[in-house]
């Protein structure tokens, strides 16, 4: 039986786009606040929330992890831009990024992960990772998810 709680999610992120060594990388500071639902089935925590993208439209995101492996997190994005990304400390995972008009393979290279999220109280999830296309670093991202039960 699944348990369910309403949550508030605050996302703080820095995303730097450009190849490694690029002299003028593009840098975005992102702040998003959303409400969502956190579920727990006795083994896995899932946090489902919506994200409104300026130009791309509406995304539904699901963060999930097994309570026995909290530092292996999956992020699934569904909407005009969709993908599934897996994060674990020093892990490399391939994925497919769908943008409606095109799709391409990428690799997520996790540098650091810290998951202090629990079903009862929420918590903080930190993700520090890079994105590669054909073994070329194209983006560095640092995300902080503050999850509060409401």
Protein backbone atom coordinates (compact mmCIF):
# COMPACT_ATOMS: atom_id res chain seq x y z
CA UNK A 1 0.00 0.00 0.00
CA UNK A 2 1.34 3.42 -0.98
CA UNK A 3 1.50 6.25 1.50
CA UNK A 4 1.19 9.77 0.13
CA UNK A 5 2.04 13.29 1.36
CA UNK A 6 1.83 16.75 -0.14
CA UNK A 7 5.18 18.50 -0.39
CA UNK A 8 6.63 21.87 -1.28
CA UNK A 9 9.78 21.76 -3.40
CA UNK A 10 12.28 24.60 -3.69
CA UNK A 11 14.91 24.10 -6.35
CA UNK A 12 18.09 26.16 -6.51
CA UNK A 13 20.43 25.43 -9.40
CA UNK A 14 23.43 26.70 -11.30
CA UNK A 15 23.79 25.41 -14.85
CA UNK A 16 26.88 26.23 -16.89
CA UNK A 17 26.70 25.44 -20.62
CA UNK A 18 29.70 25.13 -22.88
CA UNK A 19 32.49 22.72 -23.62
CA UNK A 20 35.19 22.22 -21.02
CA UNK A 21 37.70 25.07 -21.24
CA UNK A 22 35.21 27.38 -23.00
CA UNK A 23 36.24 30.99 -22.32
CA UNK A 24 32.66 32.38 -22.26
CA UNK A 25 30.32 29.72 -20.92
CA UNK A 26 26.60 30.44 -20.62
CA UNK A 27 25.54 30.43 -16.94
CA UNK A 28 21.98 30.20 -15.59
CA UNK A 29 20.86 30.59 -11.99
CA UNK A 30 17.57 28.79 -11.54
CA UNK A 31 15.03 29.11 -8.72
CA UNK A 32 11.81 27.14 -8.84
CA UNK A 33 9.14 26.59 -6.21
CA UNK A 34 6.48 23.97 -6.76
CA UNK A 35 4.08 21.77 -4.88
CA UNK A 36 3.96 18.06 -5.44
CA UNK A 37 3.19 14.63 -4.07
CA UNK A 38 5.66 12.33 -2.31
CA UNK A 39 4.75 8.64 -2.21
CA UNK A 40 6.29 5.70 -0.39
CA UNK A 41 5.53 2.04 -1.06
CA UNK A 42 7.69 0.62 1.73
CA UNK A 43 10.77 0.48 -0.48
CA UNK A 44 10.85 3.41 -2.89
CA UNK A 45 10.26 7.16 -2.42
CA UNK A 46 8.87 9.09 -5.41
CA UNK A 47 8.46 12.85 -5.52
CA UNK A 48 6.28 14.08 -8.38
CA UNK A 49 6.14 17.80 -9.16
CA UNK A 50 5.41 20.14 -12.05
CA UNK A 51 7.88 22.60 -13.50
CA UNK A 52 6.82 25.48 -15.74
CA UNK A 53 9.51 26.15 -18.34
CA UNK A 54 9.56 29.61 -19.93
CA UNK A 55 9.66 28.63 -23.59
CA UNK A 56 9.34 24.85 -23.53
CA UNK A 57 6.05 24.71 -21.60
CA UNK A 58 5.05 22.39 -18.75
CA UNK A 59 7.21 19.50 -17.46
CA UNK A 60 6.22 16.80 -15.02
CA UNK A 61 9.20 15.56 -13.01
CA UNK A 62 9.58 12.49 -10.83
CA UNK A 63 12.54 12.15 -8.46
CA UNK A 64 12.83 8.63 -7.05
CA UNK A 65 15.15 6.45 -5.00
CA UNK A 66 15.19 3.18 -3.09
CA UNK A 67 15.42 3.81 0.68
CA UNK A 68 18.21 1.18 0.86
CA UNK A 69 20.22 3.09 -1.81
CA UNK A 70 19.41 6.76 -1.17
CA UNK A 71 22.47 7.99 -3.09
CA UNK A 72 21.26 6.47 -6.36
CA UNK A 73 18.55 8.83 -7.62
CA UNK A 74 16.53 8.83 -10.84
CA UNK A 75 14.99 11.97 -12.36
CA UNK A 76 12.34 11.43 -15.03
CA UNK A 77 11.13 14.44 -17.01
CA UNK A 78 7.97 14.26 -19.12
CA UNK A 79 6.72 17.03 -21.39
CA UNK A 80 7.95 18.92 -24.45
CA UNK A 81 11.49 18.06 -23.31
CA UNK A 82 11.75 14.59 -21.80
CA UNK A 83 14.49 12.32 -20.51
CA UNK A 84 15.48 9.98 -17.71
CA UNK A 85 18.67 10.66 -15.77
CA UNK A 86 20.31 8.45 -13.14
CA UNK A 87 22.70 9.83 -10.54
CA UNK A 88 25.10 8.03 -8.19
CA UNK A 89 28.40 9.19 -6.75
CA UNK A 90 31.08 8.99 -9.47
CA UNK A 91 28.60 7.16 -11.72
CA UNK A 92 28.24 7.46 -15.50
CA UNK A 93 24.83 6.71 -17.01
CA UNK A 94 23.63 7.04 -20.57
CA UNK A 95 20.29 8.51 -21.53
CA UNK A 96 18.19 9.76 -24.41
CA UNK A 97 16.98 13.36 -24.51
CA UNK A 98 13.76 14.01 -26.47
CA UNK A 99 13.02 17.56 -27.61
CA UNK A 100 9.99 16.94 -29.82
CA UNK A 101 11.78 17.80 -33.07
CA UNK A 102 14.96 15.83 -32.24
CA UNK A 103 16.46 13.28 -29.89
CA UNK A 104 20.06 12.67 -28.89
CA UNK A 105 22.13 10.43 -26.63
CA UNK A 106 23.91 11.91 -23.64
CA UNK A 107 25.83 10.76 -20.57
CA UNK A 108 25.29 11.97 -17.01
CA UNK A 109 28.53 12.07 -15.02
CA UNK A 110 27.77 12.48 -11.31
CA UNK A 111 30.49 14.18 -9.30
CA UNK A 112 28.66 14.37 -5.97
CA UNK A 113 25.29 13.39 -4.53
CA UNK A 114 23.91 13.89 -1.04
CA UNK A 115 20.40 12.63 -0.32
CA UNK A 116 19.01 13.49 3.12
CA UNK A 117 15.34 13.11 2.06
CA UNK A 118 13.04 10.95 4.12
CA UNK A 119 9.36 10.24 3.63
CA UNK A 120 8.33 11.47 7.08
CA UNK A 121 9.90 14.96 7.02
CA UNK A 122 11.28 15.62 3.54
CA UNK A 123 14.84 16.95 3.47
CA UNK A 124 17.56 18.10 1.09
CA UNK A 125 18.90 16.47 -2.08
CA UNK A 126 22.11 17.80 -3.66
CA UNK A 127 23.18 16.80 -7.18
CA UNK A 128 26.45 17.96 -8.75
CA UNK A 129 26.91 16.51 -12.22
CA UNK A 130 28.08 17.04 -15.77
CA UNK A 131 26.44 16.21 -19.07
CA UNK A 132 28.45 14.83 -21.99
CA UNK A 133 27.58 14.30 -25.62
CA UNK A 134 29.91 11.93 -27.47
CA UNK A 135 32.37 12.13 -24.53
CA UNK A 136 32.54 15.94 -24.73
CA UNK A 137 31.48 17.87 -21.62
CA UNK A 138 28.70 20.29 -22.63
CA UNK A 139 27.13 21.25 -19.31
CA UNK A 140 27.85 21.33 -15.58
CA UNK A 141 24.92 21.44 -13.15
CA UNK A 142 24.53 21.84 -9.41
CA UNK A 143 21.02 21.32 -8.03
CA UNK A 144 19.67 21.66 -4.50
CA UNK A 145 16.16 20.34 -3.86
CA UNK A 146 14.61 21.44 -0.53
CA UNK A 147 11.59 19.21 0.08
CA UNK A 148 9.15 20.07 2.89
CA UNK A 149 6.06 18.12 3.91
CA UNK A 150 3.00 20.42 3.99
